[in-house]
Every structure is written in structure tokens, then in C-alpha cells.
Amino acid sequence: ERVLSALEEAGVFTSGGLVKDKVLFSSMENGRISFVRQLEPDWHIDTNPDIVFQLARFIKYQLCISPVKPERSASNVFCSPSFEQFFGLVDRN
């Protein structure tokens, strides 16, 4: 619910082209790579840098949420210490 709310606040359902009913979540890391590859989404958001790295060549855009920027990255991978910071939902004062 918090992620969907943050996405709504960021306007990605109105101006970003995402469809709220097509946002999926998975808490299990085992099999997530296969799951994501089969669905072929335009965007994938993950907290595991290894999964992001392995999917980089298959997924159009990715967001890696991690307090530390991953050592390995690709041009289609964005990194942020938090979901809220990436979407500009945090007051940076």
C-alpha cells in the first residue's frame, strides 16, 4: 500500500504511463529473476543489486533501492538510497 501510494503521489499513474492494476510485488528473491523475465516489464524496482545486475540486459529500465550504489551498473539502471528520494517525495532540507 505504501509503494502504491508513493507511486500515486509521484504521478506515475497519470503522467508516467504506468497502470496501477499491473503493478506486481514479490517478497521472495528465489525465482524473481525468472518471474520478471517472463513478464518482460518496462520497469523493475528491486533492493537486491545482484538481481538488478542480472536483469539489466533484459529489462528496459530498473531502479535499485540501496543505501550503497552497486559496483556493477548499466545505463538503464537507476540507483537511489530510497524509493521516496528517487521520486522526489522527500524534503531534502
Protein backbone atom coordinates (compact mmCIF):
# COMPACT_ATOMS: atom_id res chain seq x y z
CA GLU A 1 0.00 0.00 0.00
CA ARG A 2 2.85 2.41 0.82
CA VAL A 3 4.55 1.82 -2.53
CA LEU A 4 1.34 2.25 -4.48
CA SER A 5 0.62 5.43 -2.54
CA ALA A 6 4.11 6.76 -3.26
CA LEU A 7 3.73 5.96 -6.95
CA GLU A 8 0.40 7.79 -6.99
CA GLU A 9 1.93 10.82 -5.24
CA ALA A 10 4.75 10.85 -7.79
CA GLY A 11 2.17 10.94 -10.58
CA VAL A 12 3.44 7.88 -12.43
CA PHE A 13 -0.07 6.55 -12.98
CA THR A 14 -1.27 9.77 -14.59
CA SER A 15 1.81 11.16 -16.34
CA GLY A 16 4.23 8.23 -16.28
CA GLY A 17 2.11 5.76 -18.17
CA LEU A 18 2.07 3.04 -15.50
CA VAL A 19 -1.16 1.13 -14.95
CA LYS A 20 -1.94 0.70 -11.27
CA ASP A 21 -3.65 -2.66 -11.83
CA LYS A 22 -0.49 -4.03 -13.46
CA VAL A 23 1.92 -3.28 -10.59
CA LEU A 24 3.12 -6.55 -9.04
CA PHE A 25 5.07 -7.28 -5.87
CA SER A 26 7.20 -10.25 -4.85
CA SER A 27 8.84 -10.73 -1.47
CA MET A 28 10.64 -13.93 -2.49
CA GLU A 29 14.06 -13.48 -4.06
CA ASN A 30 14.25 -17.08 -5.31
CA GLY A 31 12.74 -17.17 -8.74
CA ARG A 32 12.24 -13.40 -9.05
CA ILE A 33 14.64 -13.16 -11.98
CA SER A 34 12.69 -15.79 -13.93
CA PHE A 35 9.37 -14.20 -12.93
CA VAL A 36 10.45 -10.75 -14.11
CA ARG A 37 11.98 -12.04 -17.34
CA GLN A 38 8.80 -13.89 -18.25
CA LEU A 39 6.65 -10.81 -17.68
CA GLU A 40 9.04 -8.51 -19.60
CA PRO A 41 8.03 -5.31 -17.78
CA ASP A 42 9.23 -1.87 -18.84
CA TRP A 43 10.26 -1.15 -15.23
CA HIS A 44 11.60 -3.31 -12.41
CA ILE A 45 12.33 -1.98 -8.91
CA ASP A 46 14.42 -4.08 -6.55
CA THR A 47 16.52 -3.82 -3.41
CA ASN A 48 18.88 -6.61 -4.40
CA PRO A 49 21.76 -5.27 -6.55
CA ASP A 50 22.60 -8.79 -7.79
CA ILE A 51 19.09 -9.28 -9.18
CA VAL A 52 19.19 -5.83 -10.80
CA PHE A 53 22.56 -6.63 -12.40
CA GLN A 54 21.33 -9.98 -13.74
CA LEU A 55 18.21 -8.38 -15.25
CA ALA A 56 19.94 -5.31 -16.71
CA ARG A 57 20.17 -6.70 -20.24
CA PHE A 58 16.54 -7.86 -20.31
CA ILE A 59 14.56 -5.02 -18.71
CA LYS A 60 14.18 -1.58 -20.27
CA TYR A 61 14.50 0.40 -17.00
CA GLN A 62 15.40 -0.61 -13.48
CA LEU A 63 15.58 1.11 -10.14
CA CYS A 64 17.89 -0.27 -7.49
CA ILE A 65 16.93 0.88 -4.00
CA SER A 66 20.05 0.59 -1.87
CA PRO A 67 21.89 2.79 0.63
CA VAL A 68 25.11 1.96 -1.24
CA LYS A 69 25.43 2.39 -5.00
CA PRO A 70 26.11 -1.01 -6.59
CA GLU A 71 29.59 -1.54 -8.00
CA ARG A 72 28.20 -3.01 -11.22
CA SER A 73 25.65 -0.98 -13.11
CA ALA A 74 24.29 -0.39 -16.58
CA SER A 75 22.95 2.66 -18.39
CA ASN A 76 19.36 1.50 -17.91
CA VAL A 77 19.77 1.12 -14.13
CA PHE A 78 18.97 3.99 -11.80
CA CYS A 79 20.08 3.90 -8.18
CA SER A 80 18.66 5.65 -5.15
CA PRO A 81 19.02 5.24 -1.38
CA SER A 82 15.22 5.25 -1.10
CA PHE A 83 12.12 4.97 -3.20
CA GLU A 84 10.88 8.32 -1.93
CA GLN A 85 14.11 10.12 -2.85
CA PHE A 86 14.05 8.76 -6.39
CA PHE A 87 10.55 10.12 -6.98
CA GLY A 88 11.29 13.40 -5.20
CA LEU A 89 8.88 12.71 -2.37
CA VAL A 90 11.40 13.59 0.36
CA ASP A 91 12.11 17.10 1.57
CA ARG A 92 15.89 17.35 1.19
CA ASN A 93 16.36 20.26 3.63
